[in-house]
């Protein structure tokens, strides 16, 4: 009886192992093709985020291919994200071409795709920013879109590559933000200077941030002195005279 019991146990264990192996094979069969299909999508995402320009029709063709691949997967986050960003870029280009009929449809589609992508990955700070930007692209700033901007900062307050685009958008409406978010925006501006993105920071303060230049300049007091000098020089070269903490600009040459 004892040996019979051990035999039954061994058979049961082997059966369980076989089932686990079979389940693993099924997972590999479905997951790995999904992974490899997502690789080109990630490449497109990186190019869009980097601001790369595409020839007319290229993004539309890529979107069709990604959409075809997406139908073969179960809502792969990378594919959904790529679709959202591509459609948003297409909408942006359509608006720039001043087409009267297409922008609203493209923006609506992009917004729907971004929301779907965020359902799959709600921690995507860049996509929250793009949802904010896209919702205002059609008719200017709308207060109802502010939660999207808040969410982007809450998830990644000091993310450099996001800040390159976000800081300008946030400075444009700084007075309409609560104090907590204002502090994050101002700190982000200082971080841009400290990280060497002086051209972007100087353009931001000279345009959308000019009304808040006193507060923005004061935030630079703890920034590396070399970064402050480079920033002050960039402004001086553009004919903008401001007082950067700890920097004497009298010796700077101007273009």
C-alpha atoms as a PDB file:
ATOM      1  CA  UNK A   1       0.000   0.000   0.000  1.00  0.00           C
ATOM      2  CA  UNK A   2       2.831   2.363   0.896  1.00  0.00           C
ATOM      3  CA  UNK A   3       4.590   1.781  -2.425  1.00  0.00           C
ATOM      4  CA  UNK A   4       1.289   2.221  -4.232  1.00  0.00           C
ATOM      5  CA  UNK A   5       0.778   5.546  -2.479  1.00  0.00           C
ATOM      6  CA  UNK A   6       4.273   6.713  -3.431  1.00  0.00           C
ATOM      7  CA  UNK A   7       3.604   5.715  -7.032  1.00  0.00           C
ATOM      8  CA  UNK A   8       0.388   7.762  -7.112  1.00  0.00           C
ATOM      9  CA  UNK A   9       2.251  10.721  -5.610  1.00  0.00           C
ATOM     10  CA  UNK A  10       5.044  10.475  -8.187  1.00  0.00           C
ATOM     11  CA  UNK A  11       2.528  10.299 -11.012  1.00  0.00           C
ATOM     12  CA  UNK A  12       0.754  13.335  -9.610  1.00  0.00           C
ATOM     13  CA  UNK A  13       3.985  15.328  -9.341  1.00  0.00           C
ATOM     14  CA  UNK A  14       5.024  14.380 -12.870  1.00  0.00           C
ATOM     15  CA  UNK A  15       1.604  15.328 -14.157  1.00  0.00           C
ATOM     16  CA  UNK A  16       1.815  18.710 -12.452  1.00  0.00           C
ATOM     17  CA  UNK A  17       5.280  19.317 -13.912  1.00  0.00           C
ATOM     18  CA  UNK A  18       4.047  18.405 -17.375  1.00  0.00           C
ATOM     19  CA  UNK A  19       1.151  20.831 -17.019  1.00  0.00           C
ATOM     20  CA  UNK A  20       3.511  23.587 -15.881  1.00  0.00           C
ATOM     21  CA  UNK A  21       5.799  22.881 -18.818  1.00  0.00           C
ATOM     22  CA  UNK A  22       2.882  22.982 -21.222  1.00  0.00           C
ATOM     23  CA  UNK A  23       1.657  26.238 -19.715  1.00  0.00           C
ATOM     24  CA  UNK A  24       5.149  27.693 -20.062  1.00  0.00           C
ATOM     25  CA  UNK A  25       5.257  26.684 -23.709  1.00  0.00           C
ATOM     26  CA  UNK A  26       1.920  28.346 -24.330  1.00  0.00           C
ATOM     27  CA  UNK A  27       3.112  31.525 -22.627  1.00  0.00           C
ATOM     28  CA  UNK A  28       6.263  31.569 -24.767  1.00  0.00           C
ATOM     29  CA  UNK A  29       4.231  30.982 -27.905  1.00  0.00           C
ATOM     30  CA  UNK A  30       2.008  33.984 -27.260  1.00  0.00           C
ATOM     31  CA  UNK A  31       4.321  36.302 -25.332  1.00  0.00           C
ATOM     32  CA  UNK A  32       7.528  36.174 -27.364  1.00  0.00           C
ATOM     33  CA  UNK A  33       5.950  37.053 -30.725  1.00  0.00           C
ATOM     34  CA  UNK A  34       4.187  39.892 -28.909  1.00  0.00           C
ATOM     35  CA  UNK A  35       7.517  41.062 -27.508  1.00  0.00           C
ATOM     36  CA  UNK A  36       9.287  41.033 -30.865  1.00  0.00           C
ATOM     37  CA  UNK A  37       6.382  42.808 -32.545  1.00  0.00           C
ATOM     38  CA  UNK A  38       6.719  45.546 -29.931  1.00  0.00           C
ATOM     39  CA  UNK A  39      10.405  46.194 -30.688  1.00  0.00           C
ATOM     40  CA  UNK A  40       9.789  48.349 -33.831  1.00  0.00           C
ATOM     41  CA  UNK A  41       7.075  50.201 -31.906  1.00  0.00           C
ATOM     42  CA  UNK A  42       9.596  51.201 -29.256  1.00  0.00           C
ATOM     43  CA  UNK A  43      11.941  52.475 -31.955  1.00  0.00           C
ATOM     44  CA  UNK A  44       9.194  54.681 -33.386  1.00  0.00           C
ATOM     45  CA  UNK A  45       8.345  55.982 -29.906  1.00  0.00           C
ATOM     46  CA  UNK A  46      11.976  56.948 -29.274  1.00  0.00           C
ATOM     47  CA  UNK A  47      12.160  58.786 -32.603  1.00  0.00           C
ATOM     48  CA  UNK A  48       8.958  60.729 -31.943  1.00  0.00           C
ATOM     49  CA  UNK A  49       9.998  61.703 -28.421  1.00  0.00           C
ATOM     50  CA  UNK A  50      13.392  62.825 -29.747  1.00  0.00           C
ATOM     51  CA  UNK A  51      11.576  65.162 -32.136  1.00  0.00           C
ATOM     52  CA  UNK A  52      12.646  63.389 -35.312  1.00  0.00           C
ATOM     53  CA  UNK A  53      10.902  64.544 -38.473  1.00  0.00           C
ATOM     54  CA  UNK A  54       9.293  62.033 -40.814  1.00  0.00           C
ATOM     55  CA  UNK A  55       8.542  62.222 -44.517  1.00  0.00           C
ATOM     56  CA  UNK A  56       4.867  62.647 -45.465  1.00  0.00           C
ATOM     57  CA  UNK A  57       2.977  59.380 -45.266  1.00  0.00           C
ATOM     58  CA  UNK A  58       5.625  57.515 -43.268  1.00  0.00           C
ATOM     59  CA  UNK A  59       3.835  57.738 -39.923  1.00  0.00           C
ATOM     60  CA  UNK A  60       0.499  56.805 -41.460  1.00  0.00           C
ATOM     61  CA  UNK A  61       2.089  53.696 -42.972  1.00  0.00           C
ATOM     62  CA  UNK A  62       3.742  52.791 -39.666  1.00  0.00           C
ATOM     63  CA  UNK A  63       0.440  53.292 -37.845  1.00  0.00           C
ATOM     64  CA  UNK A  64      -1.322  50.889 -40.214  1.00  0.00           C
ATOM     65  CA  UNK A  65       1.350  48.241 -39.627  1.00  0.00           C
ATOM     66  CA  UNK A  66       1.281  48.671 -35.857  1.00  0.00           C
ATOM     67  CA  UNK A  67      -2.504  48.558 -35.837  1.00  0.00           C
ATOM     68  CA  UNK A  68      -2.353  45.276 -37.756  1.00  0.00           C
ATOM     69  CA  UNK A  69       0.108  43.853 -35.235  1.00  0.00           C
ATOM     70  CA  UNK A  70      -1.954  45.119 -32.297  1.00  0.00           C
ATOM     71  CA  UNK A  71      -4.945  43.073 -33.432  1.00  0.00           C
ATOM     72  CA  UNK A  72      -2.837  39.936 -32.976  1.00  0.00           C
ATOM     73  CA  UNK A  73      -1.936  40.753 -29.363  1.00  0.00           C
ATOM     74  CA  UNK A  74      -3.840  41.321 -26.172  1.00  0.00           C
ATOM     75  CA  UNK A  75      -3.379  45.078 -25.749  1.00  0.00           C
ATOM     76  CA  UNK A  76       0.414  45.157 -25.685  1.00  0.00           C
ATOM     77  CA  UNK A  77       1.366  48.402 -23.851  1.00  0.00           C
ATOM     78  CA  UNK A  78       4.237  49.307 -26.205  1.00  0.00           C
ATOM     79  CA  UNK A  79       2.039  48.961 -29.287  1.00  0.00           C
ATOM     80  CA  UNK A  80      -0.793  50.967 -27.752  1.00  0.00           C
ATOM     81  CA  UNK A  81       1.658  53.684 -26.714  1.00  0.00           C
ATOM     82  CA  UNK A  82       3.188  53.830 -30.177  1.00  0.00           C
ATOM     83  CA  UNK A  83      -0.242  54.117 -31.790  1.00  0.00           C
ATOM     84  CA  UNK A  84      -1.177  56.949 -29.442  1.00  0.00           C
ATOM     85  CA  UNK A  85       1.989  58.968 -30.039  1.00  0.00           C
ATOM     86  CA  UNK A  86       1.958  58.414 -33.796  1.00  0.00           C
ATOM     87  CA  UNK A  87      -1.646  59.519 -34.133  1.00  0.00           C
ATOM     88  CA  UNK A  88      -0.933  62.583 -31.995  1.00  0.00           C
ATOM     89  CA  UNK A  89       2.028  63.506 -34.217  1.00  0.00           C
ATOM     90  CA  UNK A  90      -0.146  63.054 -37.314  1.00  0.00           C
ATOM     91  CA  UNK A  91      -2.765  65.351 -35.762  1.00  0.00           C
ATOM     92  CA  UNK A  92      -0.092  67.947 -35.013  1.00  0.00           C
ATOM     93  CA  UNK A  93       1.153  67.883 -38.601  1.00  0.00           C
ATOM     94  CA  UNK A  94      -2.409  68.123 -39.891  1.00  0.00           C
ATOM     95  CA  UNK A  95      -2.994  71.254 -37.834  1.00  0.00           C
ATOM     96  CA  UNK A  96       0.261  72.764 -39.065  1.00  0.00           C
ATOM     97  CA  UNK A  97      -0.889  72.176 -42.638  1.00  0.00           C
ATOM     98  CA  UNK A  98      -4.064  74.125 -41.753  1.00  0.00           C
ATOM     99  CA  UNK A  99      -6.428  71.430 -42.953  1.00  0.00           C
ATOM    100  CA  UNK A 100      -9.932  72.370 -41.802  1.00  0.00           C
ATOM    101  CA  UNK A 101     -11.547  68.945 -41.618  1.00  0.00           C
ATOM    102  CA  UNK A 102      -8.944  66.478 -40.377  1.00  0.00           C
ATOM    103  CA  UNK A 103      -7.527  67.881 -37.089  1.00  0.00           C
ATOM    104  CA  UNK A 104     -10.569  67.313 -34.890  1.00  0.00           C
ATOM    105  CA  UNK A 105     -10.933  63.708 -36.011  1.00  0.00           C
ATOM    106  CA  UNK A 106      -7.214  63.013 -35.635  1.00  0.00           C
ATOM    107  CA  UNK A 107      -7.055  64.623 -32.184  1.00  0.00           C
ATOM    108  CA  UNK A 108     -10.096  62.727 -30.971  1.00  0.00           C
ATOM    109  CA  UNK A 109      -8.578  59.464 -32.154  1.00  0.00           C
ATOM    110  CA  UNK A 110      -5.224  60.287 -30.560  1.00  0.00           C
ATOM    111  CA  UNK A 111      -6.877  61.191 -27.262  1.00  0.00           C
ATOM    112  CA  UNK A 112      -8.772  57.900 -27.216  1.00  0.00           C
ATOM    113  CA  UNK A 113      -5.588  55.935 -27.912  1.00  0.00           C
ATOM    114  CA  UNK A 114      -3.657  57.788 -25.213  1.00  0.00           C
ATOM    115  CA  UNK A 115      -6.342  57.044 -22.646  1.00  0.00           C
ATOM    116  CA  UNK A 116      -6.310  53.372 -23.621  1.00  0.00           C
ATOM    117  CA  UNK A 117      -2.530  53.270 -23.335  1.00  0.00           C
ATOM    118  CA  UNK A 118      -2.700  54.919 -19.908  1.00  0.00           C
ATOM    119  CA  UNK A 119      -5.199  52.300 -18.785  1.00  0.00           C
ATOM    120  CA  UNK A 120      -2.508  49.715 -19.541  1.00  0.00           C
ATOM    121  CA  UNK A 121       0.315  51.786 -18.037  1.00  0.00           C
ATOM    122  CA  UNK A 122      -0.968  54.608 -15.789  1.00  0.00           C
ATOM    123  CA  UNK A 123       2.582  55.470 -14.666  1.00  0.00           C
ATOM    124  CA  UNK A 124       3.557  56.867 -18.087  1.00  0.00           C
ATOM    125  CA  UNK A 125       4.393  60.481 -17.177  1.00  0.00           C
ATOM    126  CA  UNK A 126       5.219  61.457 -20.757  1.00  0.00           C
ATOM    127  CA  UNK A 127       1.888  60.234 -22.071  1.00  0.00           C
ATOM    128  CA  UNK A 128       0.025  62.164 -19.349  1.00  0.00           C
ATOM    129  CA  UNK A 129       1.862  65.259 -20.582  1.00  0.00           C
ATOM    130  CA  UNK A 130       0.923  64.524 -24.174  1.00  0.00           C
ATOM    131  CA  UNK A 131      -2.699  63.992 -23.156  1.00  0.00           C
ATOM    132  CA  UNK A 132      -2.620  67.461 -21.571  1.00  0.00           C
ATOM    133  CA  UNK A 133      -0.971  68.982 -24.624  1.00  0.00           C
ATOM    134  CA  UNK A 134      -3.257  67.232 -27.089  1.00  0.00           C
ATOM    135  CA  UNK A 135      -6.417  68.253 -25.252  1.00  0.00           C
ATOM    136  CA  UNK A 136      -5.341  71.908 -25.499  1.00  0.00           C
ATOM    137  CA  UNK A 137      -4.026  71.710 -29.039  1.00  0.00           C
ATOM    138  CA  UNK A 138      -7.436  72.203 -30.576  1.00  0.00           C
ATOM    139  CA  UNK A 139      -8.768  75.253 -28.712  1.00  0.00           C
ATOM    140  CA  UNK A 140      -6.082  76.496 -26.348  1.00  0.00           C
ATOM    141  CA  UNK A 141      -5.798  76.054 -22.596  1.00  0.00           C
ATOM    142  CA  UNK A 142      -8.714  74.404 -20.824  1.00  0.00           C
ATOM    143  CA  UNK A 143      -8.780  74.080 -17.052  1.00  0.00           C
ATOM    144  CA  UNK A 144     -10.344  70.637 -17.237  1.00  0.00           C
ATOM    145  CA  UNK A 145      -7.085  69.306 -18.703  1.00  0.00           C
ATOM    146  CA  UNK A 146      -4.977  70.411 -15.716  1.00  0.00           C
ATOM    147  CA  UNK A 147      -5.243  67.037 -13.914  1.00  0.00           C
ATOM    148  CA  UNK A 148      -3.258  65.506 -16.799  1.00  0.00           C
ATOM    149  CA  UNK A 149      -0.397  67.951 -16.215  1.00  0.00           C
ATOM    150  CA  UNK A 150      -0.583  67.379 -12.461  1.00  0.00           C
ATOM    151  CA  UNK A 151      -0.331  63.633 -13.006  1.00  0.00           C
ATOM    152  CA  UNK A 152       2.735  64.018 -15.213  1.00  0.00           C
ATOM    153  CA  UNK A 153       4.554  65.972 -12.507  1.00  0.00           C
ATOM    154  CA  UNK A 154       3.385  63.658  -9.732  1.00  0.00           C
ATOM    155  CA  UNK A 155       4.847  60.668 -11.570  1.00  0.00           C
ATOM    156  CA  UNK A 156       8.101  62.240 -12.780  1.00  0.00           C
ATOM    157  CA  UNK A 157       8.756  65.690 -11.371  1.00  0.00           C
ATOM    158  CA  UNK A 158      12.445  65.736 -12.323  1.00  0.00           C
ATOM    159  CA  UNK A 159      12.604  63.624 -15.481  1.00  0.00           C
ATOM    160  CA  UNK A 160      14.987  65.465 -17.794  1.00  0.00           C
ATOM    161  CA  UNK A 161      13.797  64.278 -21.194  1.00  0.00           C
ATOM    162  CA  UNK A 162      10.169  64.995 -20.242  1.00  0.00           C
ATOM    163  CA  UNK A 163      11.104  68.394 -18.809  1.00  0.00           C
ATOM    164  CA  UNK A 164      12.500  69.506 -22.162  1.00  0.00           C
ATOM    165  CA  UNK A 165       8.949  69.755 -23.463  1.00  0.00           C
ATOM    166  CA  UNK A 166       6.912  70.042 -20.286  1.00  0.00           C
ATOM    167  CA  UNK A 167       8.557  73.062 -18.667  1.00  0.00           C
ATOM    168  CA  UNK A 168       7.544  75.458 -21.425  1.00  0.00           C
ATOM    169  CA  UNK A 169       3.952  74.220 -21.375  1.00  0.00           C
ATOM    170  CA  UNK A 170       3.748  74.576 -17.599  1.00  0.00           C
ATOM    171  CA  UNK A 171       5.402  78.009 -17.451  1.00  0.00           C
ATOM    172  CA  UNK A 172       2.812  79.300 -19.909  1.00  0.00           C
ATOM    173  CA  UNK A 173       0.092  78.760 -17.278  1.00  0.00           C
ATOM    174  CA  UNK A 174       2.173  79.047 -14.099  1.00  0.00           C
ATOM    175  CA  UNK A 175      -0.145  81.587 -12.459  1.00  0.00           C
ATOM    176  CA  UNK A 176      -3.088  79.202 -12.830  1.00  0.00           C
ATOM    177  CA  UNK A 177      -1.374  76.319 -11.026  1.00  0.00           C
ATOM    178  CA  UNK A 178      -1.540  75.659  -7.308  1.00  0.00           C
ATOM    179  CA  UNK A 179       1.513  76.551  -5.226  1.00  0.00           C
ATOM    180  CA  UNK A 180       2.729  72.970  -4.924  1.00  0.00           C
ATOM    181  CA  UNK A 181       2.787  72.464  -8.681  1.00  0.00           C
ATOM    182  CA  UNK A 182       4.307  75.903  -9.240  1.00  0.00           C
ATOM    183  CA  UNK A 183       7.233  74.868  -7.046  1.00  0.00           C
ATOM    184  CA  UNK A 184       7.742  71.747  -9.146  1.00  0.00           C
ATOM    185  CA  UNK A 185       7.714  73.779 -12.364  1.00  0.00           C
ATOM    186  CA  UNK A 186      10.210  76.320 -11.011  1.00  0.00           C
ATOM    187  CA  UNK A 187      12.476  73.551  -9.690  1.00  0.00           C
ATOM    188  CA  UNK A 188      12.274  71.877 -13.083  1.00  0.00           C
ATOM    189  CA  UNK A 189      13.423  75.104 -14.735  1.00  0.00           C
ATOM    190  CA  UNK A 190      16.433  75.265 -12.400  1.00  0.00           C
ATOM    191  CA  UNK A 191      17.194  71.610 -13.147  1.00  0.00           C
ATOM    192  CA  UNK A 192      17.239  72.368 -16.883  1.00  0.00           C
ATOM    193  CA  UNK A 193      19.880  75.031 -16.319  1.00  0.00           C
ATOM    194  CA  UNK A 194      21.869  72.796 -13.986  1.00  0.00           C
ATOM    195  CA  UNK A 195      21.789  69.938 -16.517  1.00  0.00           C
ATOM    196  CA  UNK A 196      23.175  72.093 -19.305  1.00  0.00           C
ATOM    197  CA  UNK A 197      19.975  72.653 -21.289  1.00  0.00           C
ATOM    198  CA  UNK A 198      20.664  76.372 -21.300  1.00  0.00           C
ATOM    199  CA  UNK A 199      19.273  77.076 -24.766  1.00  0.00           C
ATOM    200  CA  UNK A 200      15.904  75.628 -23.800  1.00  0.00           C
ATOM    201  CA  UNK A 201      15.896  77.297 -20.378  1.00  0.00           C
ATOM    202  CA  UNK A 202      16.860  80.697 -21.807  1.00  0.00           C
ATOM    203  CA  UNK A 203      14.161  80.430 -24.473  1.00  0.00           C
ATOM    204  CA  UNK A 204      11.602  79.493 -21.808  1.00  0.00           C
ATOM    205  CA  UNK A 205      12.367  82.440 -19.538  1.00  0.00           C
ATOM    206  CA  UNK A 206      12.541  84.881 -22.457  1.00  0.00           C
ATOM    207  CA  UNK A 207       9.098  83.867 -23.734  1.00  0.00           C
ATOM    208  CA  UNK A 208       6.424  82.116 -21.665  1.00  0.00           C
ATOM    209  CA  UNK A 209       8.327  82.577 -18.399  1.00  0.00           C
ATOM    210  CA  UNK A 210       9.139  86.267 -18.714  1.00  0.00           C
ATOM    211  CA  UNK A 211       6.365  87.381 -16.344  1.00  0.00           C
ATOM    212  CA  UNK A 212       7.885  85.102 -13.695  1.00  0.00           C
ATOM    213  CA  UNK A 213      11.557  85.848 -14.408  1.00  0.00           C
ATOM    214  CA  UNK A 214      12.253  87.090 -10.873  1.00  0.00           C
ATOM    215  CA  UNK A 215      11.119  83.832  -9.316  1.00  0.00           C
ATOM    216  CA  UNK A 216      12.815  81.718 -11.967  1.00  0.00           C
ATOM    217  CA  UNK A 217      16.137  83.522 -11.629  1.00  0.00           C
ATOM    218  CA  UNK A 218      16.020  83.279  -7.833  1.00  0.00           C
ATOM    219  CA  UNK A 219      15.637  79.503  -8.164  1.00  0.00           C
ATOM    220  CA  UNK A 220      19.102  79.334  -9.734  1.00  0.00           C
ATOM    221  CA  UNK A 221      20.958  80.305  -6.552  1.00  0.00           C
ATOM    222  CA  UNK A 222      21.855  76.661  -5.814  1.00  0.00           C
ATOM    223  CA  UNK A 223      22.664  75.735  -9.413  1.00  0.00           C
ATOM    224  CA  UNK A 224      26.270  74.987 -10.369  1.00  0.00           C
ATOM    225  CA  UNK A 225      28.083  78.285 -11.007  1.00  0.00           C
ATOM    226  CA  UNK A 226      29.379  77.179 -14.405  1.00  0.00           C
ATOM    227  CA  UNK A 227      25.839  76.359 -15.514  1.00  0.00           C
ATOM    228  CA  UNK A 228      24.641  79.741 -14.256  1.00  0.00           C
ATOM    229  CA  UNK A 229      27.357  81.538 -16.197  1.00  0.00           C
ATOM    230  CA  UNK A 230      26.536  79.631 -19.377  1.00  0.00           C
ATOM    231  CA  UNK A 231      22.859  80.456 -18.913  1.00  0.00           C
ATOM    232  CA  UNK A 232      23.590  84.150 -18.316  1.00  0.00           C
ATOM    233  CA  UNK A 233      25.830  84.238 -21.374  1.00  0.00           C
ATOM    234  CA  UNK A 234      23.095  82.693 -23.542  1.00  0.00           C
ATOM    235  CA  UNK A 235      20.653  85.389 -22.436  1.00  0.00           C
ATOM    236  CA  UNK A 236      23.225  88.163 -22.913  1.00  0.00           C
ATOM    237  CA  UNK A 237      23.989  86.924 -26.421  1.00  0.00           C
ATOM    238  CA  UNK A 238      20.300  87.307 -27.210  1.00  0.00           C
ATOM    239  CA  UNK A 239      20.338  90.857 -25.868  1.00  0.00           C
ATOM    240  CA  UNK A 240      18.465  89.978 -22.674  1.00  0.00           C
ATOM    241  CA  UNK A 241      19.848  91.655 -19.573  1.00  0.00           C
ATOM    242  CA  UNK A 242      18.853  89.983 -16.306  1.00  0.00           C
ATOM    243  CA  UNK A 243      20.525  89.386 -12.974  1.00  0.00           C
ATOM    244  CA  UNK A 244      21.524  85.754 -12.592  1.00  0.00           C
ATOM    245  CA  UNK A 245      22.472  85.000  -8.961  1.00  0.00           C
ATOM    246  CA  UNK A 246      26.235  85.109  -8.437  1.00  0.00           C
ATOM    247  CA  UNK A 247      27.068  85.961 -12.056  1.00  0.00           C
ATOM    248  CA  UNK A 248      28.650  89.154 -13.331  1.00  0.00           C
ATOM    249  CA  UNK A 249      27.665  89.623 -16.977  1.00  0.00           C
ATOM    250  CA  UNK A 250      29.515  92.874 -17.733  1.00  0.00           C
ATOM    251  CA  UNK A 251      32.368  90.984 -19.357  1.00  0.00           C
ATOM    252  CA  UNK A 252      30.211  88.833 -21.608  1.00  0.00           C
ATOM    253  CA  UNK A 253      30.434  89.529 -25.327  1.00  0.00           C
ATOM    254  CA  UNK A 254      27.226  89.764 -27.304  1.00  0.00           C
ATOM    255  CA  UNK A 255      26.519  88.565 -30.795  1.00  0.00           C
END
